[in-house]
Amino acid sequence: MEDRVRIRSEEVLSDDWAVLKKTVLDYRRRDGRWETQIRQTYDRGDGAVILPFDPRRSTVLLVRQFRFPAYAVGHREPLIEACAGLLDENDPETAIRKEAEEELGYRLKDVERLYAPFMSPGSVTERLWFFTARYSPADRISDGGGAPEEGEDIEVLEIPLDEALAAVADGRIVDAKTIILIQHLKLNPMKG
């Protein structure tokens, strides 16, 4: 791909919580013609997401939390989501185990990595590492709820997998990463 992209210029538009860049590039099309394109990329780092599942009771652990970007475009209710967070300096599995303890209040043992797709590759550089894990009530170590010093105010939800799937169908769950994981578990059931 190196022979198809030439960066002309790169400008940092914002460098606060994440980095927003404007890039001017030349791109060689499949027919061999070069064209100049202007793109903006938003880099907030990579993240990880997990959906713990209790195969004995067929329940999943989710969170409900306020998300300003969704609110800003008219979604007035807090979102129901799978537990997730940025990798920071950790590898994906270490990061998601830490998030599960912080947000859900569970110490997860058997974490399984699934895949790491780009979630919005037209403008966001983030890859999201997807995980599932078995859990049981015995794995609970705290009430969870997130880190208040990071502005987190998280409600932990434990619901049947079939109810989570119904919530996707009726629009109560609108978060893409959560929909992907719920459907993954439904298509690839874990055995108790």
Protein backbone atom coordinates (compact mmCIF):
# COMPACT_ATOMS: atom_id res chain seq x y z
CA MET A 1 0.00 0.00 0.00
CA GLU A 2 3.01 2.27 0.52
CA ASP A 3 3.25 2.75 -3.25
CA ARG A 4 -0.38 4.01 -3.32
CA VAL A 5 -0.28 6.68 -0.59
CA ARG A 6 1.92 9.80 -0.37
CA ILE A 7 1.38 12.12 2.60
CA ARG A 8 1.61 15.77 1.55
CA SER A 9 0.90 17.38 4.93
CA GLU A 10 -0.44 16.63 8.36
CA GLU A 11 -1.90 19.18 10.78
CA VAL A 12 -2.98 18.60 14.38
CA LEU A 13 -6.39 20.25 14.80
CA SER A 14 -6.91 19.23 18.43
CA ASP A 15 -4.79 17.48 21.03
CA ASP A 16 -6.87 17.22 24.18
CA TRP A 17 -8.49 13.97 25.29
CA ALA A 18 -7.61 12.53 21.87
CA VAL A 19 -5.81 13.75 18.75
CA LEU A 20 -7.67 15.07 15.72
CA LYS A 21 -5.50 15.41 12.60
CA LYS A 22 -6.12 16.77 9.12
CA THR A 23 -4.05 15.01 6.46
CA VAL A 24 -3.62 15.95 2.81
CA LEU A 25 -2.52 12.93 0.80
CA ASP A 26 -2.13 11.69 -2.72
CA TYR A 27 -3.84 8.35 -3.32
CA ARG A 28 -3.26 6.19 -6.39
CA ARG A 29 -6.56 4.69 -7.47
CA ARG A 30 -6.90 1.14 -8.77
CA ASP A 31 -6.86 2.47 -12.35
CA GLY A 32 -3.43 4.05 -11.71
CA ARG A 33 -4.58 7.69 -11.54
CA TRP A 34 -3.40 9.81 -8.59
CA GLU A 35 -5.88 11.99 -6.73
CA THR A 36 -5.46 14.36 -3.82
CA GLN A 37 -7.63 13.65 -0.78
CA ILE A 38 -8.14 15.46 2.51
CA ARG A 39 -8.98 13.29 5.51
CA GLN A 40 -9.44 13.86 9.22
CA THR A 41 -8.56 11.12 11.68
CA TYR A 42 -9.53 10.92 15.32
CA ASP A 43 -7.06 8.97 17.45
CA ARG A 44 -8.21 8.16 20.97
CA GLY A 45 -6.19 4.97 21.32
CA ASP A 46 -7.28 1.37 21.09
CA GLY A 47 -9.76 -0.23 23.44
CA ALA A 48 -11.11 -3.53 24.69
CA VAL A 49 -14.63 -4.78 25.38
CA ILE A 50 -15.93 -7.87 27.17
CA LEU A 51 -19.24 -9.61 27.64
CA PRO A 52 -19.15 -11.99 30.63
CA PHE A 53 -21.60 -14.90 30.39
CA ASP A 54 -22.81 -17.29 33.08
CA PRO A 55 -23.65 -20.48 31.14
CA ARG A 56 -25.38 -22.08 34.12
CA ARG A 57 -27.92 -19.25 34.46
CA SER A 58 -27.64 -17.95 30.86
CA THR A 59 -27.04 -14.38 32.05
CA VAL A 60 -24.71 -11.62 30.88
CA LEU A 61 -23.18 -8.67 32.68
CA LEU A 62 -23.75 -5.25 31.09
CA VAL A 63 -23.42 -1.65 32.21
CA ARG A 64 -25.68 1.37 31.89
CA GLN A 65 -24.03 4.77 31.68
CA PHE A 66 -24.49 8.30 30.37
CA ARG A 67 -22.73 8.95 27.05
CA PHE A 68 -22.65 12.59 26.03
CA PRO A 69 -22.07 12.03 22.27
CA ALA A 70 -25.25 9.91 22.10
CA TYR A 71 -27.10 12.48 24.19
CA ALA A 72 -25.89 15.30 21.92
CA VAL A 73 -27.59 13.69 18.92
CA GLY A 74 -30.88 13.02 20.69
CA HIS A 75 -30.48 9.74 22.61
CA ARG A 76 -31.61 10.97 26.02
CA GLU A 77 -31.30 7.73 28.00
CA PRO A 78 -28.05 6.29 29.36
CA LEU A 79 -26.71 3.54 27.06
CA ILE A 80 -26.71 -0.16 27.89
CA GLU A 81 -23.28 -1.47 26.93
CA ALA A 82 -20.77 -4.23 27.36
CA CYS A 83 -17.93 -3.36 29.75
CA ALA A 84 -15.18 -1.53 27.85
CA GLY A 85 -12.24 0.80 28.20
CA LEU A 86 -9.09 2.16 26.62
CA LEU A 87 -5.94 0.08 26.65
CA ASP A 88 -3.77 2.89 28.01
CA GLU A 89 -0.38 1.23 28.51
CA ASN A 90 -1.77 -2.29 28.97
CA ASP A 91 -2.12 -5.20 26.59
CA PRO A 92 -5.78 -5.86 25.64
CA GLU A 93 -6.37 -8.76 28.06
CA THR A 94 -4.83 -6.96 31.04
CA ALA A 95 -6.83 -3.84 30.22
CA ILE A 96 -10.17 -5.66 29.97
CA ARG A 97 -9.61 -7.62 33.18
CA LYS A 98 -8.94 -4.31 34.94
CA GLU A 99 -12.07 -2.74 33.43
CA ALA A 100 -14.20 -5.73 34.48
CA GLU A 101 -13.07 -5.36 38.09
CA GLU A 102 -13.54 -1.58 38.05
CA GLU A 103 -16.86 -1.36 36.18
CA LEU A 104 -18.55 -4.71 36.89
CA GLY A 105 -17.00 -5.67 40.21
CA TYR A 106 -16.01 -9.13 38.92
CA ARG A 107 -12.61 -10.83 38.76
CA LEU A 108 -12.83 -12.87 35.57
CA LYS A 109 -10.77 -16.03 35.13
CA ASP A 110 -11.28 -17.56 31.68
CA VAL A 111 -11.09 -14.61 29.30
CA GLU A 112 -11.31 -15.50 25.59
CA ARG A 113 -10.13 -13.11 22.88
CA LEU A 114 -12.36 -13.07 19.80
CA TYR A 115 -11.24 -10.42 17.27
CA ALA A 116 -10.02 -6.82 16.97
CA PRO A 117 -11.97 -4.90 14.32
CA PHE A 118 -11.79 -1.22 13.40
CA MET A 119 -15.09 0.22 14.66
CA SER A 120 -15.39 3.31 12.45
CA PRO A 121 -12.51 3.17 9.96
CA GLY A 122 -13.70 6.13 7.91
CA SER A 123 -12.50 8.57 10.56
CA VAL A 124 -11.49 6.86 13.83
CA THR A 125 -8.16 5.01 14.17
CA GLU A 126 -9.32 2.85 17.11
CA ARG A 127 -9.25 -0.93 17.01
CA LEU A 128 -11.42 -2.59 19.62
CA TRP A 129 -10.34 -5.94 21.10
CA PHE A 130 -13.40 -8.14 21.76
CA PHE A 131 -13.53 -10.68 24.58
CA THR A 132 -15.97 -13.01 26.29
CA ALA A 133 -15.56 -14.79 29.61
CA ARG A 134 -17.42 -17.20 31.81
CA TYR A 135 -18.43 -15.84 35.19
CA SER A 136 -20.41 -16.92 38.23
CA PRO A 137 -21.68 -15.07 41.31
CA ALA A 138 -18.58 -16.36 43.17
CA ASP A 139 -16.38 -14.15 40.95
CA ARG A 140 -17.86 -10.95 42.36
CA ILE A 141 -15.34 -8.91 44.36
CA SER A 142 -17.11 -5.53 44.66
CA ASP A 143 -20.17 -3.53 43.61
CA GLY A 144 -18.38 -2.19 40.53
CA GLY A 145 -19.64 1.12 39.20
CA GLY A 146 -16.46 2.46 37.61
CA ALA A 147 -13.95 5.06 38.73
CA PRO A 148 -15.69 8.21 39.99
CA GLU A 149 -12.45 10.19 39.60
CA GLU A 150 -12.68 9.45 35.85
CA GLY A 151 -16.26 10.73 35.73
CA GLU A 152 -17.76 7.23 35.64
CA ASP A 153 -21.21 6.63 37.11
CA ILE A 154 -21.93 3.08 36.01
CA GLU A 155 -24.89 0.86 36.87
CA VAL A 156 -24.17 -2.88 36.62
CA LEU A 157 -26.89 -4.97 34.96
CA GLU A 158 -27.18 -8.74 35.05
CA ILE A 159 -29.79 -9.95 32.58
CA PRO A 160 -30.64 -13.14 30.69
CA LEU A 161 -28.92 -13.43 27.31
CA ASP A 162 -32.32 -13.78 25.58
CA GLU A 163 -33.50 -10.53 27.19
CA ALA A 164 -30.33 -8.80 25.96
CA LEU A 165 -31.03 -10.10 22.46
CA ALA A 166 -34.63 -8.81 22.70
CA ALA A 167 -33.27 -5.43 23.84
CA VAL A 168 -31.17 -5.29 20.66
CA ALA A 169 -34.24 -6.09 18.55
CA ASP A 170 -36.49 -3.49 20.19
CA GLY A 171 -33.88 -0.73 20.32
CA ARG A 172 -33.08 -0.61 24.03
CA ILE A 173 -29.50 -1.62 23.21
CA VAL A 174 -28.08 0.58 20.45
CA ASP A 175 -24.34 0.28 21.10
CA ALA A 176 -22.54 -1.51 18.24
CA LYS A 177 -19.88 -3.32 20.29
CA THR A 178 -22.54 -4.66 22.62
CA ILE A 179 -24.77 -5.82 19.76
CA ILE A 180 -21.83 -7.65 18.19
CA LEU A 181 -20.99 -9.48 21.44
CA ILE A 182 -24.59 -10.40 22.27
CA GLN A 183 -25.08 -11.82 18.78
CA HIS A 184 -21.73 -13.61 19.00
CA LEU A 185 -22.76 -15.35 22.23
CA LYS A 186 -26.14 -16.29 20.77
CA LEU A 187 -24.49 -17.78 17.66
CA ASN A 188 -21.63 -19.42 19.62
CA PRO A 189 -23.11 -20.60 22.91
CA MET A 190 -20.78 -21.32 25.81
CA LYS A 191 -21.38 -24.58 27.55
CA GLY A 192 -21.57 -24.75 31.34
